[in-house]
Protein backbone atom coordinates (compact mmCIF):
# COMPACT_ATOMS: atom_id res chain seq x y z
CA MET A 1 15.55 9.37 0.27
CA ALA A 2 17.84 6.32 0.22
CA LEU A 3 19.31 5.21 -3.11
CA HIS A 4 17.66 2.14 -4.65
CA PHE A 5 19.29 -0.82 -6.40
CA VAL A 6 18.03 -4.00 -8.04
CA THR A 7 19.39 -7.53 -7.62
CA ASP A 8 17.89 -11.02 -7.90
CA GLU A 9 19.45 -11.84 -4.51
CA ALA A 10 16.87 -9.60 -2.85
CA ALA A 11 14.11 -12.13 -3.51
CA SER A 12 15.15 -14.52 -0.72
CA ALA A 13 16.92 -12.13 1.66
CA GLN A 14 15.66 -11.61 5.20
CA PRO A 15 16.60 -9.12 7.95
CA GLY A 16 20.11 -9.91 9.16
CA ASP A 17 21.24 -11.34 5.81
CA ASP A 18 23.96 -9.83 3.64
CA VAL A 19 23.18 -9.06 0.01
CA THR A 20 26.02 -8.40 -2.42
CA LEU A 21 25.74 -6.25 -5.53
CA THR A 22 28.13 -7.25 -8.30
CA GLY A 23 28.85 -6.38 -11.91
CA ALA A 24 27.22 -3.29 -13.43
CA GLU A 25 24.98 -2.75 -10.39
CA ALA A 26 27.96 -2.64 -8.02
CA HIS A 27 29.81 -0.25 -10.32
CA HIS A 28 26.75 1.97 -10.55
CA ALA A 29 26.34 1.98 -6.76
CA ALA A 30 29.99 2.56 -5.81
CA ALA A 31 31.48 4.50 -8.72
CA VAL A 32 28.47 6.44 -10.06
CA ARG A 33 26.19 6.96 -7.05
CA ARG A 34 29.16 6.81 -4.63
CA VAL A 35 27.50 4.90 -1.80
CA ARG A 36 29.57 4.67 1.36
CA VAL A 37 29.83 2.32 4.33
CA ASP A 38 26.98 2.82 6.84
CA GLU A 39 24.82 4.54 4.21
CA ALA A 40 21.15 3.48 4.16
CA VAL A 41 19.93 2.04 0.84
CA THR A 42 16.97 0.07 -0.46
CA LEU A 43 17.10 -3.06 -2.60
CA GLY A 44 14.55 -4.90 -4.71
CA ASP A 45 14.21 -7.75 -7.17
CA GLY A 46 11.75 -5.96 -9.44
CA ARG A 47 9.02 -8.46 -8.49
CA GLY A 48 7.66 -6.92 -5.30
CA THR A 49 10.48 -7.52 -2.80
CA TRP A 50 11.51 -4.35 -0.95
CA LEU A 51 14.49 -4.36 1.41
CA GLU A 52 16.03 -1.71 3.63
CA GLY A 53 19.65 -2.03 4.63
CA LEU A 54 23.01 -0.50 5.46
CA VAL A 55 26.11 -0.65 3.28
CA THR A 56 28.90 -2.61 4.96
CA ALA A 57 31.44 -2.58 2.09
CA ALA A 58 31.62 -0.59 -1.14
CA THR A 59 33.98 -1.12 -4.08
CA PRO A 60 33.30 -0.86 -7.84
CA LYS A 61 33.28 -4.67 -8.01
CA HIS A 62 31.08 -5.49 -5.05
CA VAL A 63 28.84 -3.66 -2.61
CA ASP A 64 27.66 -5.48 0.51
CA VAL A 65 24.40 -4.54 2.21
CA ARG A 66 23.17 -5.81 5.59
CA VAL A 67 19.38 -6.16 5.42
CA THR A 68 17.48 -4.45 8.25
CA ALA A 69 13.88 -4.75 7.06
CA ARG A 70 11.84 -6.57 4.42
CA GLU A 71 8.46 -5.86 2.83
CA ASP A 72 6.66 -7.76 0.07
CA ARG A 73 4.58 -5.38 -1.99
CA PRO A 74 1.69 -6.75 -4.08
CA ALA A 75 1.39 -6.07 -7.79
CA ALA A 76 -0.98 -3.29 -8.78
CA ALA A 77 -4.52 -4.14 -9.84
CA PRO A 78 -5.88 -3.42 -12.32
CA ARG A 79 -2.75 -3.42 -14.43
CA PHE A 80 -2.10 -0.44 -16.69
CA VAL A 81 -0.66 -1.63 -20.00
CA LEU A 82 0.83 0.80 -22.51
CA VAL A 83 0.76 -0.25 -26.15
CA GLN A 84 3.33 2.13 -27.63
CA ALA A 85 3.66 2.41 -31.38
CA LEU A 86 7.21 2.32 -32.69
CA ALA A 87 8.37 5.83 -33.54
CA LYS A 88 11.40 7.37 -35.19
CA GLY A 89 14.39 8.68 -33.30
CA ASP A 90 14.12 8.20 -29.57
CA ARG A 91 10.49 9.24 -29.22
CA ASP A 92 9.21 5.78 -28.37
CA GLU A 93 12.05 5.33 -25.87
CA LEU A 94 11.15 8.61 -24.19
CA ALA A 95 7.55 7.42 -23.98
CA VAL A 96 8.58 4.13 -22.38
CA GLN A 97 10.85 5.85 -19.86
CA ALA A 98 8.23 8.39 -18.76
CA ALA A 99 5.43 5.82 -18.56
CA THR A 100 7.58 3.63 -16.32
CA GLU A 101 8.35 6.48 -13.94
CA LEU A 102 4.64 7.35 -13.82
CA GLY A 103 3.39 3.86 -12.96
CA VAL A 104 2.70 1.72 -16.04
CA ASP A 105 2.68 -2.02 -15.27
CA ALA A 106 3.46 -3.51 -18.70
CA ILE A 107 4.56 -2.22 -22.09
CA VAL A 108 3.86 -3.63 -25.54
CA PRO A 109 5.79 -2.38 -28.60
CA TRP A 110 3.35 -1.96 -31.50
CA GLN A 111 4.32 -2.14 -35.17
CA ALA A 112 1.55 0.19 -36.35
CA ALA A 113 0.70 0.74 -40.00
CA ARG A 114 2.08 4.27 -39.93
CA SER A 115 5.17 3.52 -37.81
CA VAL A 116 8.20 4.99 -39.56
CA SER A 117 10.48 2.82 -37.44
CA ARG A 118 10.43 -0.86 -38.47
CA TRP A 119 12.00 -3.37 -36.11
CA ASP A 120 11.40 -6.50 -38.21
CA ALA A 121 14.66 -8.52 -37.99
CA LYS A 122 15.98 -6.39 -35.12
CA ALA A 123 13.00 -6.94 -32.82
CA ASP A 124 15.04 -8.81 -30.19
CA LYS A 125 17.53 -5.94 -30.01
CA GLY A 126 14.73 -3.38 -29.71
CA ILE A 127 12.96 -5.28 -26.93
CA ALA A 128 16.23 -5.66 -25.02
CA ARG A 129 16.84 -1.92 -25.34
CA TRP A 130 13.35 -1.09 -24.02
CA ARG A 131 13.81 -3.51 -21.10
CA THR A 132 17.03 -1.76 -20.12
CA ILE A 133 15.30 1.63 -20.26
CA VAL A 134 12.39 0.32 -18.17
CA ARG A 135 14.68 -1.22 -15.56
CA GLU A 136 16.64 2.00 -15.08
CA ALA A 137 13.50 4.15 -15.02
CA ALA A 138 11.91 1.85 -12.41
CA LYS A 139 15.04 2.15 -10.25
CA GLN A 140 14.95 5.94 -10.59
CA ALA A 141 11.31 5.95 -9.50
CA HIS A 142 11.96 3.52 -6.60
CA ARG A 143 9.40 1.04 -7.88
CA ALA A 144 9.07 -2.39 -6.26
CA TRP A 145 7.76 -3.87 -9.52
CA ILE A 146 9.60 -3.42 -12.81
CA PRO A 147 7.13 -3.33 -15.72
CA GLU A 148 7.24 -6.17 -18.21
CA VAL A 149 8.15 -5.42 -21.82
CA GLU A 150 6.34 -7.90 -24.04
CA GLY A 151 6.95 -8.99 -27.63
CA VAL A 152 6.19 -6.83 -30.65
CA ALA A 153 2.46 -6.70 -31.39
CA ARG A 154 0.61 -6.27 -34.65
CA THR A 155 -2.85 -4.75 -34.90
CA ALA A 156 -4.41 -8.24 -34.91
CA ASP A 157 -2.83 -8.83 -31.49
CA LEU A 158 -4.46 -5.66 -30.14
CA VAL A 159 -7.81 -6.79 -31.49
CA ALA A 160 -7.42 -10.04 -29.55
CA LEU A 161 -6.69 -8.09 -26.33
CA ALA A 162 -10.12 -6.48 -26.41
CA GLY A 163 -11.67 -9.80 -25.41
CA THR A 164 -10.06 -9.78 -21.97
CA ALA A 165 -9.08 -6.15 -21.29
CA LEU A 166 -10.52 -2.66 -21.41
CA VAL A 167 -8.80 -1.16 -24.46
CA LEU A 168 -8.64 2.64 -24.61
CA VAL A 169 -7.28 4.09 -27.84
CA LEU A 170 -5.89 7.61 -27.62
CA GLU A 171 -7.33 9.46 -30.59
CA PRO A 172 -7.49 13.30 -30.76
CA SER A 173 -10.76 13.26 -32.73
CA ALA A 174 -12.62 11.06 -30.19
CA SER A 175 -15.69 12.50 -28.50
CA ASP A 176 -15.08 10.89 -25.09
CA ARG A 177 -12.45 12.32 -22.74
CA LEU A 178 -10.16 9.96 -20.85
CA THR A 179 -10.86 11.88 -17.63
CA VAL A 180 -14.53 10.89 -17.95
CA VAL A 181 -14.05 7.17 -18.62
CA ALA A 182 -10.91 6.57 -16.52
CA ASP A 183 -12.78 5.42 -13.42
CA GLU A 184 -14.85 2.90 -15.38
CA ALA A 185 -11.95 0.43 -15.31
CA ALA A 186 -12.89 -0.96 -11.91
CA ASP A 187 -13.84 -4.53 -12.85
CA GLY A 188 -10.37 -6.06 -12.43
CA ARG A 189 -9.52 -6.25 -16.13
CA ASP A 190 -6.26 -4.85 -17.48
CA VAL A 191 -6.55 -1.32 -18.80
CA VAL A 192 -4.76 -1.13 -22.15
CA LEU A 193 -3.80 2.30 -23.49
CA VAL A 194 -3.02 2.37 -27.20
CA VAL A 195 -0.78 5.20 -28.45
CA GLY A 196 -0.19 5.66 -32.16
CA PRO A 197 2.94 6.74 -34.05
CA GLU A 198 3.85 10.20 -35.35
CA GLY A 199 1.30 10.09 -38.17
CA GLY A 200 -1.51 8.86 -35.97
CA ILE A 201 -3.42 5.59 -36.01
CA ALA A 202 -4.61 4.55 -39.46
CA PRO A 203 -8.41 4.60 -40.07
CA GLU A 204 -8.51 0.86 -40.73
CA GLU A 205 -6.77 0.20 -37.41
CA LEU A 206 -9.23 2.42 -35.54
CA SER A 207 -12.15 0.63 -37.20
CA ALA A 208 -10.76 -2.82 -36.36
CA LEU A 209 -10.30 -1.88 -32.72
CA GLU A 210 -13.69 -0.21 -32.37
CA ALA A 211 -15.36 -3.27 -33.93
CA VAL A 212 -14.23 -5.45 -31.00
CA GLY A 213 -15.21 -3.00 -28.25
CA ALA A 214 -12.19 -0.75 -27.86
CA ARG A 215 -13.07 2.83 -26.90
CA LEU A 216 -11.60 5.88 -28.57
CA VAL A 217 -10.71 8.58 -26.03
CA ARG A 218 -8.91 11.90 -26.08
CA LEU A 219 -6.84 13.67 -23.46
CA GLY A 220 -8.03 17.18 -24.20
CA ASP A 221 -8.28 19.74 -26.95
CA THR A 222 -4.60 19.62 -27.88
CA VAL A 223 -2.68 16.96 -29.81
CA LEU A 224 0.23 15.45 -27.88
CA ARG A 225 3.32 13.83 -29.35
CA THR A 226 3.62 10.06 -29.27
CA SER A 227 6.43 10.54 -26.73
CA THR A 228 4.15 12.28 -24.20
CA ALA A 229 0.61 10.99 -24.81
CA GLY A 230 1.06 7.69 -23.00
CA ALA A 231 2.65 9.29 -19.96
CA ALA A 232 -0.18 11.81 -19.73
CA ALA A 233 -2.77 9.05 -19.96
CA ILE A 234 -1.04 6.95 -17.27
CA SER A 235 -1.14 10.01 -15.01
CA VAL A 236 -4.89 10.36 -15.51
CA LEU A 237 -5.48 6.67 -14.73
CA SER A 238 -3.22 6.74 -11.68
CA ALA A 239 -5.15 9.69 -10.23
CA ALA A 240 -8.53 8.11 -11.00
CA HIS A 241 -7.59 4.81 -9.32
CA GLY A 242 -6.06 6.29 -6.19
CA ARG A 243 -2.45 5.44 -6.96
CA TRP A 244 -1.56 9.11 -6.62
């Protein structure tokens, strides 16, 4: 499979045009992935543009690609949105990376009541870090659309989401299995998966979400880490909606 790279220039490029990678993307292509002249690659802008092309020049400072084909891929519908609680160490980052590779369409950092990690004043830095992780994971997975990483949410923000989206809260004690309700999200609304932190979702948060129509669901009889639960749930939804 051809190597894939991301550049804003891809958005307007047509067959026959030359697209130039510069900066970190050129260095990654030439010095890390070692692309060579006449090698086939794919390019995208992260917003649905998908280009095929051949490398015509390759240096660590610039890589030129002659476009041979263009496709505009539509965004997925319904969107799968992962609300990932902040977690200690790199567990939330692992969750974001895996969910991106597996097909999530948007990610919302959640400052849950039991989150050990507190972004507070460093929220901008945390969001930027997650966006970098998502971009690289989307490139690795050869995705035409790079998932959006939204601002930090509080529980009140999740409550508000229930008015316009199907909110599914992953809770090991729930009676309903995700595999049973996954195909119910066929009315065009976003499907929002809520994953709690290491200590689980607080009872008052579960009650607030249930009160506005969110559904508590479980993945199975085992309890998954916060770093793996979201990825597992995205896999279930992708299979149920024919993405896999």
